C-alpha atoms as a PDB file:
ATOM      1  CA  MET A   1       0.000   0.000   0.000  1.00  0.00           C
ATOM      2  CA  ARG A   2       1.004   3.604  -0.529  1.00  0.00           C
ATOM      3  CA  PHE A   3       0.044   6.081   2.176  1.00  0.00           C
ATOM      4  CA  VAL A   4      -0.060   9.812   1.475  1.00  0.00           C
ATOM      5  CA  LEU A   5      -0.855  12.996   3.307  1.00  0.00           C
ATOM      6  CA  PHE A   6      -2.759  15.230   0.918  1.00  0.00           C
ATOM      7  CA  SER A   7      -4.954  18.276   0.540  1.00  0.00           C
ATOM      8  CA  THR A   8      -7.187  19.701  -2.166  1.00  0.00           C
ATOM      9  CA  PRO A   9      -8.344  23.249  -2.927  1.00  0.00           C
ATOM     10  CA  THR A  10     -11.599  22.504  -1.097  1.00  0.00           C
ATOM     11  CA  SER A  11     -10.232  20.538   1.877  1.00  0.00           C
ATOM     12  CA  ALA A  12      -9.881  22.019   5.350  1.00  0.00           C
ATOM     13  CA  GLY A  13      -6.384  20.665   5.801  1.00  0.00           C
ATOM     14  CA  PRO A  14      -4.059  17.744   5.057  1.00  0.00           C
ATOM     15  CA  HIS A  15      -5.708  14.322   5.246  1.00  0.00           C
ATOM     16  CA  PRO A  16      -4.169  10.843   5.280  1.00  0.00           C
ATOM     17  CA  GLY A  17      -5.107   8.583   2.425  1.00  0.00           C
ATOM     18  CA  VAL A  18      -4.304   5.438   0.473  1.00  0.00           C
ATOM     19  CA  VAL A  19      -3.256   5.656  -3.167  1.00  0.00           C
ATOM     20  CA  ASP A  20      -5.490   3.467  -5.330  1.00  0.00           C
ATOM     21  CA  GLY A  21      -4.343   3.630  -8.932  1.00  0.00           C
ATOM     22  CA  GLU A  22      -4.791   7.234 -10.054  1.00  0.00           C
ATOM     23  CA  THR A  23      -6.948   8.143  -7.057  1.00  0.00           C
ATOM     24  CA  ILE A  24      -6.586   8.630  -3.312  1.00  0.00           C
ATOM     25  CA  ARG A  25      -9.011   7.104  -0.844  1.00  0.00           C
ATOM     26  CA  PRO A  26      -9.165   9.378   2.234  1.00  0.00           C
ATOM     27  CA  LEU A  27      -8.868   7.683   5.623  1.00  0.00           C
ATOM     28  CA  ARG A  28     -11.647   9.097   7.786  1.00  0.00           C
ATOM     29  CA  ALA A  29     -10.911   7.512  11.165  1.00  0.00           C
ATOM     30  CA  ILE A  30      -7.412   8.929  11.714  1.00  0.00           C
ATOM     31  CA  ALA A  31      -5.824  12.369  11.573  1.00  0.00           C
ATOM     32  CA  SER A  32      -2.365  11.507  10.239  1.00  0.00           C
ATOM     33  CA  ILE A  33      -0.151   8.723   8.961  1.00  0.00           C
ATOM     34  CA  ASP A  34       1.900   9.125  12.139  1.00  0.00           C
ATOM     35  CA  ALA A  35      -1.226   8.148  14.084  1.00  0.00           C
ATOM     36  CA  LEU A  36      -1.925   5.212  11.774  1.00  0.00           C
ATOM     37  CA  ILE A  37       1.552   3.742  12.259  1.00  0.00           C
ATOM     38  CA  GLY A  38       1.104   3.782  16.031  1.00  0.00           C
ATOM     39  CA  LEU A  39      -2.129   1.774  15.994  1.00  0.00           C
ATOM     40  CA  ASP A  40      -2.344  -1.864  17.026  1.00  0.00           C
ATOM     41  CA  PRO A  41      -3.055  -4.234  14.093  1.00  0.00           C
ATOM     42  CA  ALA A  42      -6.784  -4.672  14.765  1.00  0.00           C
ATOM     43  CA  THR A  43      -7.441  -0.946  15.133  1.00  0.00           C
ATOM     44  CA  ARG A  44      -5.338  -0.203  12.044  1.00  0.00           C
ATOM     45  CA  THR A  45      -7.355  -2.705   9.992  1.00  0.00           C
ATOM     46  CA  ALA A  46     -10.568  -0.994  11.062  1.00  0.00           C
ATOM     47  CA  ALA A  47      -9.147   2.433  10.215  1.00  0.00           C
ATOM     48  CA  LEU A  48      -8.130   1.263   6.739  1.00  0.00           C
ATOM     49  CA  ALA A  49     -11.670   0.059   6.093  1.00  0.00           C
ATOM     50  CA  ASP A  50     -13.159   3.489   6.827  1.00  0.00           C
ATOM     51  CA  VAL A  51     -12.461   5.383   3.604  1.00  0.00           C
ATOM     52  CA  GLY A  52     -14.117   8.312   1.879  1.00  0.00           C
ATOM     53  CA  ASP A  53     -14.912   9.017  -1.747  1.00  0.00           C
ATOM     54  CA  PRO A  54     -11.936   8.787  -4.106  1.00  0.00           C
ATOM     55  CA  VAL A  55     -10.006  11.946  -4.976  1.00  0.00           C
ATOM     56  CA  PRO A  56      -8.080  12.166  -8.268  1.00  0.00           C
ATOM     57  CA  LEU A  57      -4.380  11.959  -7.506  1.00  0.00           C
ATOM     58  CA  ALA A  58      -3.732  14.626 -10.140  1.00  0.00           C
ATOM     59  CA  ASP A  59      -5.959  17.092  -8.240  1.00  0.00           C
ATOM     60  CA  ALA A  60      -4.276  16.579  -4.865  1.00  0.00           C
ATOM     61  CA  ARG A  61      -1.370  18.404  -3.320  1.00  0.00           C
ATOM     62  CA  LEU A  62       0.887  15.928  -1.539  1.00  0.00           C
ATOM     63  CA  HIS A  63       2.542  16.789   1.753  1.00  0.00           C
ATOM     64  CA  ALA A  64       5.455  15.138   3.527  1.00  0.00           C
ATOM     65  CA  PRO A  65       3.802  11.913   4.697  1.00  0.00           C
ATOM     66  CA  LEU A  66       5.371  12.126   8.147  1.00  0.00           C
ATOM     67  CA  HIS A  67       6.201  14.919  10.546  1.00  0.00           C
ATOM     68  CA  PRO A  68       8.227  13.119  13.226  1.00  0.00           C
ATOM     69  CA  HIS A  69       8.269  14.607  16.695  1.00  0.00           C
ATOM     70  CA  LYS A  70      12.018  14.071  16.793  1.00  0.00           C
ATOM     71  CA  ASN A  71      14.926  14.337  14.393  1.00  0.00           C
ATOM     72  CA  VAL A  72      15.275  12.254  11.256  1.00  0.00           C
ATOM     73  CA  PHE A  73      18.110   9.765  11.780  1.00  0.00           C
ATOM     74  CA  CYS A  74      20.718   9.734   8.998  1.00  0.00           C
ATOM     75  CA  VAL A  75      23.650   7.530   8.018  1.00  0.00           C
ATOM     76  CA  GLY A  76      26.794   9.081   6.571  1.00  0.00           C
ATOM     77  CA  ARG A  77      29.134   7.560   3.962  1.00  0.00           C
ATOM     78  CA  ASN A  78      27.218   4.319   3.560  1.00  0.00           C
ATOM     79  CA  TYR A  79      28.091   3.613  -0.082  1.00  0.00           C
ATOM     80  CA  LEU A  80      31.710   2.701  -0.804  1.00  0.00           C
ATOM     81  CA  ALA A  81      32.044   4.832  -3.944  1.00  0.00           C
ATOM     82  CA  HIS A  82      30.624   7.852  -2.114  1.00  0.00           C
ATOM     83  CA  ALA A  83      33.043   7.336   0.765  1.00  0.00           C
ATOM     84  CA  GLU A  84      35.867   7.085  -1.802  1.00  0.00           C
ATOM     85  CA  GLU A  85      34.897  10.286  -3.633  1.00  0.00           C
ATOM     86  CA  GLY A  86      34.704  12.197  -0.348  1.00  0.00           C
ATOM     87  CA  ALA A  87      38.109  10.960   0.786  1.00  0.00           C
ATOM     88  CA  ARG A  88      39.602  11.929  -2.589  1.00  0.00           C
ATOM     89  CA  VAL A  89      38.302  15.500  -2.360  1.00  0.00           C
ATOM     90  CA  ARG A  90      39.551  15.856   1.210  1.00  0.00           C
ATOM     91  CA  GLY A  91      42.937  14.381   0.295  1.00  0.00           C
ATOM     92  CA  GLU A  92      42.549  11.655   2.894  1.00  0.00           C
ATOM     93  CA  GLU A  93      43.163   7.940   2.930  1.00  0.00           C
ATOM     94  CA  LEU A  94      39.883   6.052   2.892  1.00  0.00           C
ATOM     95  CA  LYS A  95      39.172   4.403   6.242  1.00  0.00           C
ATOM     96  CA  LEU A  96      35.910   2.530   6.393  1.00  0.00           C
ATOM     97  CA  PRO A  97      34.120   2.648   9.752  1.00  0.00           C
ATOM     98  CA  SER A  98      33.341  -0.514  11.677  1.00  0.00           C
ATOM     99  CA  VAL A  99      29.911   0.841  12.631  1.00  0.00           C
ATOM    100  CA  PRO A 100      27.554   3.269  10.864  1.00  0.00           C
ATOM    101  CA  THR A 101      28.127   7.010  11.269  1.00  0.00           C
ATOM    102  CA  PHE A 102      24.903   8.587  12.517  1.00  0.00           C
ATOM    103  CA  PHE A 103      23.773  12.213  12.465  1.00  0.00           C
ATOM    104  CA  SER A 104      20.341  13.819  12.286  1.00  0.00           C
ATOM    105  CA  LYS A 105      18.148  16.448  10.659  1.00  0.00           C
ATOM    106  CA  ALA A 106      15.635  18.449  12.701  1.00  0.00           C
ATOM    107  CA  PRO A 107      11.892  18.188  11.963  1.00  0.00           C
ATOM    108  CA  THR A 108      11.998  21.844  10.826  1.00  0.00           C
ATOM    109  CA  ALA A 109      14.114  20.714   7.840  1.00  0.00           C
ATOM    110  CA  ILE A 110      11.304  18.532   6.440  1.00  0.00           C
ATOM    111  CA  ALA A 111       9.724  19.738   3.191  1.00  0.00           C
ATOM    112  CA  ASP A 112       6.856  18.483   1.041  1.00  0.00           C
ATOM    113  CA  PRO A 113       7.193  16.499  -2.181  1.00  0.00           C
ATOM    114  CA  GLY A 114       6.710  18.862  -5.100  1.00  0.00           C
ATOM    115  CA  ALA A 115       7.482  21.903  -2.974  1.00  0.00           C
ATOM    116  CA  THR A 116      10.027  24.525  -3.932  1.00  0.00           C
ATOM    117  CA  LEU A 117      12.883  24.425  -1.445  1.00  0.00           C
ATOM    118  CA  HIS A 118      13.631  27.968  -0.289  1.00  0.00           C
ATOM    119  CA  LEU A 119      17.327  28.005   0.559  1.00  0.00           C
ATOM    120  CA  ASP A 120      19.159  30.987   2.018  1.00  0.00           C
ATOM    121  CA  GLY A 121      22.050  32.149  -0.148  1.00  0.00           C
ATOM    122  CA  ALA A 122      23.360  34.297   2.690  1.00  0.00           C
ATOM    123  CA  VAL A 123      23.907  31.149   4.750  1.00  0.00           C
ATOM    124  CA  SER A 124      25.433  28.973   2.041  1.00  0.00           C
ATOM    125  CA  GLN A 125      26.330  29.032  -1.645  1.00  0.00           C
ATOM    126  CA  LYS A 126      27.224  25.341  -1.676  1.00  0.00           C
ATOM    127  CA  TYR A 127      23.939  23.464  -1.426  1.00  0.00           C
ATOM    128  CA  ASP A 128      24.280  19.859  -2.580  1.00  0.00           C
ATOM    129  CA  TRP A 129      21.988  16.907  -3.336  1.00  0.00           C
ATOM    130  CA  GLU A 130      21.871  13.446  -1.747  1.00  0.00           C
ATOM    131  CA  ALA A 131      19.314  10.840  -2.845  1.00  0.00           C
ATOM    132  CA  GLU A 132      18.524   8.331  -0.096  1.00  0.00           C
ATOM    133  CA  LEU A 133      16.232   5.454   0.750  1.00  0.00           C
ATOM    134  CA  GLY A 134      14.183   6.359   3.812  1.00  0.00           C
ATOM    135  CA  VAL A 135      13.089   3.674   6.287  1.00  0.00           C
ATOM    136  CA  VAL A 136      10.019   4.250   8.457  1.00  0.00           C
ATOM    137  CA  ILE A 137       9.940   2.399  11.771  1.00  0.00           C
ATOM    138  CA  GLY A 138       6.646   0.717  12.655  1.00  0.00           C
ATOM    139  CA  THR A 139       7.308  -0.821  16.064  1.00  0.00           C
ATOM    140  CA  ARG A 140       8.674   0.600  19.293  1.00  0.00           C
ATOM    141  CA  CYS A 141      11.927  -1.260  19.749  1.00  0.00           C
ATOM    142  CA  LYS A 142      15.357  -1.252  21.335  1.00  0.00           C
ATOM    143  CA  ASN A 143      18.451  -3.480  21.031  1.00  0.00           C
ATOM    144  CA  VAL A 144      17.070  -5.146  17.906  1.00  0.00           C
ATOM    145  CA  ASP A 145      18.950  -8.171  16.618  1.00  0.00           C
ATOM    146  CA  GLU A 146      20.022  -7.730  12.989  1.00  0.00           C
ATOM    147  CA  LYS A 147      18.222 -10.909  11.923  1.00  0.00           C
ATOM    148  CA  ASP A 148      14.945  -9.438  13.235  1.00  0.00           C
ATOM    149  CA  ALA A 149      15.492  -5.847  12.170  1.00  0.00           C
ATOM    150  CA  LEU A 150      13.401  -5.835   8.987  1.00  0.00           C
ATOM    151  CA  LYS A 151      10.374  -6.900  11.045  1.00  0.00           C
ATOM    152  CA  VAL A 152      10.204  -3.492  12.774  1.00  0.00           C
ATOM    153  CA  ILE A 153       9.874  -1.559   9.493  1.00  0.00           C
ATOM    154  CA  PHE A 154       6.513  -0.040   8.565  1.00  0.00           C
ATOM    155  CA  GLY A 155       7.566   1.117   5.132  1.00  0.00           C
ATOM    156  CA  TYR A 156       9.892   3.053   2.863  1.00  0.00           C
ATOM    157  CA  THR A 157      10.020   6.534   1.356  1.00  0.00           C
ATOM    158  CA  CYS A 158      12.363   8.778  -0.628  1.00  0.00           C
ATOM    159  CA  VAL A 159      14.591  11.324   1.123  1.00  0.00           C
ATOM    160  CA  ASN A 160      16.797  14.071  -0.292  1.00  0.00           C
ATOM    161  CA  ASP A 161      19.464  14.953   2.269  1.00  0.00           C
ATOM    162  CA  VAL A 162      20.153  18.447   0.896  1.00  0.00           C
ATOM    163  CA  SER A 163      23.424  19.619   2.453  1.00  0.00           C
ATOM    164  CA  ALA A 164      25.084  23.004   2.826  1.00  0.00           C
ATOM    165  CA  ARG A 165      28.659  21.832   2.289  1.00  0.00           C
ATOM    166  CA  ASP A 166      30.449  24.971   3.477  1.00  0.00           C
ATOM    167  CA  VAL A 167      28.406  25.015   6.686  1.00  0.00           C
ATOM    168  CA  GLN A 168      28.824  21.257   7.123  1.00  0.00           C
ATOM    169  CA  ASN A 169      32.601  21.423   6.747  1.00  0.00           C
ATOM    170  CA  ALA A 170      33.080  24.458   8.982  1.00  0.00           C
ATOM    171  CA  THR A 171      33.181  22.151  12.031  1.00  0.00           C
ATOM    172  CA  THR A 172      33.740  18.470  12.761  1.00  0.00           C
ATOM    173  CA  GLN A 173      30.023  18.089  13.511  1.00  0.00           C
ATOM    174  CA  TRP A 174      27.767  17.770  10.437  1.00  0.00           C
ATOM    175  CA  PHE A 175      24.485  18.706  12.106  1.00  0.00           C
ATOM    176  CA  LYS A 176      24.168  22.412  11.249  1.00  0.00           C
ATOM    177  CA  GLY A 177      25.042  21.962   7.588  1.00  0.00           C
ATOM    178  CA  LYS A 178      22.514  19.153   7.320  1.00  0.00           C
ATOM    179  CA  THR A 179      19.545  20.644   9.129  1.00  0.00           C
ATOM    180  CA  LEU A 180      18.825  24.038   7.570  1.00  0.00           C
ATOM    181  CA  ASP A 181      15.173  24.717   6.769  1.00  0.00           C
ATOM    182  CA  ASP A 182      13.797  22.951   3.667  1.00  0.00           C
ATOM    183  CA  THR A 183      16.756  20.563   3.425  1.00  0.00           C
ATOM    184  CA  CYS A 184      14.889  17.316   4.109  1.00  0.00           C
ATOM    185  CA  PRO A 185      12.172  16.809   1.513  1.00  0.00           C
ATOM    186  CA  LEU A 186      10.598  13.376   1.831  1.00  0.00           C
ATOM    187  CA  GLY A 187       7.839  11.453   0.102  1.00  0.00           C
ATOM    188  CA  PRO A 188       5.895  11.416  -2.086  1.00  0.00           C
ATOM    189  CA  TRP A 189       4.360   8.652   0.016  1.00  0.00           C
ATOM    190  CA  ILE A 190       5.218   5.701   2.235  1.00  0.00           C
ATOM    191  CA  VAL A 191       5.251   2.288   0.585  1.00  0.00           C
ATOM    192  CA  THR A 192       4.514  -0.440   3.124  1.00  0.00           C
ATOM    193  CA  ALA A 193       7.218  -2.982   3.864  1.00  0.00           C
ATOM    194  CA  ASP A 194       5.259  -5.865   2.346  1.00  0.00           C
ATOM    195  CA  GLU A 195       5.666  -4.201  -1.077  1.00  0.00           C
ATOM    196  CA  ILE A 196       9.492  -4.307  -0.839  1.00  0.00           C
ATOM    197  CA  SER A 197      10.650  -7.907  -0.520  1.00  0.00           C
ATOM    198  CA  ASP A 198      14.307  -6.927  -0.049  1.00  0.00           C
ATOM    199  CA  PRO A 199      15.468  -3.347   0.596  1.00  0.00           C
ATOM    200  CA  GLN A 200      18.948  -4.298  -0.666  1.00  0.00           C
ATOM    201  CA  THR A 201      17.753  -4.759  -4.267  1.00  0.00           C
ATOM    202  CA  LEU A 202      16.598  -1.228  -5.061  1.00  0.00           C
ATOM    203  CA  ASP A 203      18.035   1.306  -7.510  1.00  0.00           C
ATOM    204  CA  VAL A 204      18.552   4.810  -6.098  1.00  0.00           C
ATOM    205  CA  SER A 205      18.957   7.700  -8.549  1.00  0.00           C
ATOM    206  CA  LEU A 206      19.037  11.467  -8.523  1.00  0.00           C
ATOM    207  CA  ARG A 207      18.348  13.570 -11.587  1.00  0.00           C
ATOM    208  CA  LEU A 208      19.188  17.256 -11.720  1.00  0.00           C
ATOM    209  CA  ASN A 209      17.264  19.092 -14.430  1.00  0.00           C
ATOM    210  CA  GLY A 210      16.728  15.726 -16.115  1.00  0.00           C
ATOM    211  CA  GLU A 211      20.398  14.658 -16.020  1.00  0.00           C
ATOM    212  CA  THR A 212      21.293  11.642 -13.891  1.00  0.00           C
ATOM    213  CA  LYS A 213      23.852  12.607 -11.270  1.00  0.00           C
ATOM    214  CA  GLN A 214      23.585   9.631  -8.914  1.00  0.00           C
ATOM    215  CA  HIS A 215      22.701   6.003  -9.591  1.00  0.00           C
ATOM    216  CA  ALA A 216      23.502   2.914  -7.545  1.00  0.00           C
ATOM    217  CA  SER A 217      21.913  -0.177  -6.074  1.00  0.00           C
ATOM    218  CA  THR A 218      21.232  -0.479  -2.371  1.00  0.00           C
ATOM    219  CA  SER A 219      23.040  -3.823  -2.671  1.00  0.00           C
ATOM    220  CA  VAL A 220      26.346  -1.925  -2.419  1.00  0.00           C
ATOM    221  CA  MET A 221      25.547  -0.255   0.894  1.00  0.00           C
ATOM    222  CA  ILE A 222      28.395  -0.702   3.366  1.00  0.00           C
ATOM    223  CA  PHE A 223      25.857  -1.271   6.133  1.00  0.00           C
ATOM    224  CA  PRO A 224      22.561  -2.795   4.929  1.00  0.00           C
ATOM    225  CA  VAL A 225      19.236  -1.629   6.313  1.00  0.00           C
ATOM    226  CA  ALA A 226      18.997  -4.419   8.892  1.00  0.00           C
ATOM    227  CA  ARG A 227      22.467  -3.639  10.260  1.00  0.00           C
ATOM    228  CA  ILE A 228      21.635   0.085  10.426  1.00  0.00           C
ATOM    229  CA  ILE A 229      18.555  -0.600  12.536  1.00  0.00           C
ATOM    230  CA  ALA A 230      20.417  -3.022  14.772  1.00  0.00           C
ATOM    231  CA  GLU A 231      23.231  -0.538  15.424  1.00  0.00           C
ATOM    232  CA  LEU A 232      20.997   2.504  15.867  1.00  0.00           C
ATOM    233  CA  SER A 233      18.693   0.690  18.294  1.00  0.00           C
ATOM    234  CA  LYS A 234      21.519  -0.324  20.639  1.00  0.00           C
ATOM    235  CA  GLY A 235      20.605   1.508  23.811  1.00  0.00           C
ATOM    236  CA  CYS A 236      18.398   3.860  21.771  1.00  0.00           C
ATOM    237  CA  THR A 237      14.629   3.400  21.615  1.00  0.00           C
ATOM    238  CA  LEU A 238      13.134   3.659  18.137  1.00  0.00           C
ATOM    239  CA  GLU A 239       9.473   4.584  17.911  1.00  0.00           C
ATOM    240  CA  PRO A 240       6.690   4.184  15.346  1.00  0.00           C
ATOM    241  CA  GLY A 241       7.067   6.910  12.730  1.00  0.00           C
ATOM    242  CA  ASP A 242      10.808   7.391  13.190  1.00  0.00           C
ATOM    243  CA  VAL A 243      12.576   7.932   9.861  1.00  0.00           C
ATOM    244  CA  ILE A 244      16.070   6.702   8.988  1.00  0.00           C
ATOM    245  CA  ALA A 245      17.822   8.031   5.868  1.00  0.00           C
ATOM    246  CA  THR A 246      20.204   5.244   4.902  1.00  0.00           C
ATOM    247  CA  GLY A 247      22.974   7.083   3.053  1.00  0.00           C
ATOM    248  CA  THR A 248      23.630   8.345  -0.464  1.00  0.00           C
ATOM    249  CA  PRO A 249      25.466   6.910  -3.492  1.00  0.00           C
ATOM    250  CA  GLU A 250      28.372   8.526  -5.326  1.00  0.00           C
ATOM    251  CA  GLY A 251      27.796  11.485  -7.630  1.00  0.00           C
ATOM    252  CA  VAL A 252      27.199  14.320  -5.191  1.00  0.00           C
ATOM    253  CA  GLY A 253      28.049  17.819  -6.341  1.00  0.00           C
ATOM    254  CA  PHE A 254      31.006  18.673  -4.113  1.00  0.00           C
ATOM    255  CA  ALA A 255      32.990  15.672  -5.365  1.00  0.00           C
ATOM    256  CA  ARG A 256      32.595  16.462  -9.067  1.00  0.00           C
ATOM    257  CA  THR A 257      35.313  18.010 -11.232  1.00  0.00           C
ATOM    258  CA  PRO A 258      34.734  20.888 -11.154  1.00  0.00           C
ATOM    259  CA  PRO A 259      32.417  20.918  -8.110  1.00  0.00           C
ATOM    260  CA  GLU A 260      28.729  21.505  -8.830  1.00  0.00           C
ATOM    261  CA  PHE A 261      26.225  23.038  -6.446  1.00  0.00           C
ATOM    262  CA  LEU A 262      22.522  23.759  -6.652  1.00  0.00           C
ATOM    263  CA  LYS A 263      21.443  26.906  -8.472  1.00  0.00           C
ATOM    264  CA  ASP A 264      18.270  28.934  -8.272  1.00  0.00           C
ATOM    265  CA  GLY A 265      15.626  27.241 -10.418  1.00  0.00           C
ATOM    266  CA  ASP A 266      17.167  23.749 -10.421  1.00  0.00           C
ATOM    267  CA  VAL A 267      14.847  20.737 -10.196  1.00  0.00           C
ATOM    268  CA  MET A 268      15.911  17.574  -8.354  1.00  0.00           C
ATOM    269  CA  GLU A 269      14.284  14.139  -8.647  1.00  0.00           C
ATOM    270  CA  VAL A 270      15.042  11.288  -6.258  1.00  0.00           C
ATOM    271  CA  ASP A 271      13.914   8.072  -7.941  1.00  0.00           C
ATOM    272  CA  ILE A 272      13.885   4.761  -6.040  1.00  0.00           C
ATOM    273  CA  THR A 273      12.697   1.506  -7.567  1.00  0.00           C
ATOM    274  CA  GLY A 274       9.377   0.383  -6.137  1.00  0.00           C
ATOM    275  CA  VAL A 275       9.113   3.425  -3.881  1.00  0.00           C
ATOM    276  CA  GLY A 276       8.534   6.481  -6.065  1.00  0.00           C
ATOM    277  CA  VAL A 277       9.880   9.786  -7.342  1.00  0.00           C
ATOM    278  CA  LEU A 278      10.459  12.741  -5.036  1.00  0.00           C
ATOM    279  CA  ARG A 279      10.624  15.955  -7.072  1.00  0.00           C
ATOM    280  CA  ASN A 280      11.586  19.400  -5.732  1.00  0.00           C
ATOM    281  CA  ALA A 281      12.561  22.672  -7.327  1.00  0.00           C
ATOM    282  CA  VAL A 282      15.055  24.996  -5.663  1.00  0.00           C
ATOM    283  CA  ALA A 283      14.869  28.717  -4.967  1.00  0.00           C
ATOM    284  CA  ILE A 284      18.084  30.172  -3.584  1.00  0.00           C
ATOM    285  CA  ALA A 285      17.928  33.743  -2.343  1.00  0.00           C
ATOM    286  CA  ALA A 286      20.986  35.746  -3.333  1.00  0.00           C
ATOM    287  CA  PRO A 287      23.148  37.100  -0.491  1.00  0.00           C
ATOM    288  CA  VAL A 288      22.473  40.718   0.412  1.00  0.00           C
ATOM    289  CA  GLY A 289      24.599  42.996  -1.753  1.00  0.00           C
ATOM    290  CA  ALA A 290      25.300  40.344  -4.388  1.00  0.00           C
ATOM    291  CA  THR A 291      25.316  41.452  -8.028  1.00  0.00           C
ATOM    292  CA  ALA A 292      24.556  39.472 -11.153  1.00  0.00           C
END
């Protein structure tokens, strides 16, 4: 199933729904997808049976399907070729970590699918793209064994970990450069885990203005999804609706020759097999006093 949060010109506000072909069936018994994920199985089944009249998908505005009450968890340097390109640019010897590198993005960074990302040119002139598979946790859990980790997943979504590289590299901590407003678009929906038989068999791509910049299979992740969940949950409670961005493939802008960064008017598309396409345009305000 594909769950969306949507609105229409005549609706009072965003509503959760289920995509059915080219239509959306509104869910009437719940207020959000976050609430749906937290329901016990019997109550969830009843909620899914209470649907309204179909709404054409083409007439709906889609919103970020989740608005977590805590930060989005992220994994850094989780594709070998991406780790290699970063080490090359920094002039460092590649040293692969023995455990995943975690950081986070604040809920205020989340943006809607289809929305224009309003980025502040006075803060950064080096905004970069990062296509990622997003994992949505469905069960409250802690200290999960890797062999059981896929069982706690509710579903999958697309994430674009937009990064302000100059801000990110100004300190040894990545957080500020990763969490600026509008730098975590996600969606367009959540595909339930039963639709993805193996999260390590998906193609992840990013197109910039129609040109493919990133493309790799999740099979080449350094740490697969199950290992990520197992490591993150050690001593750390994961809750229904938590989102984990699982890392990006090679092809990011800062590692290109010459480096490429987002420009005002660019359009990015994160495309993940079996999950969907997350499309966002970019509007970058020029720094005060800048001239053309």
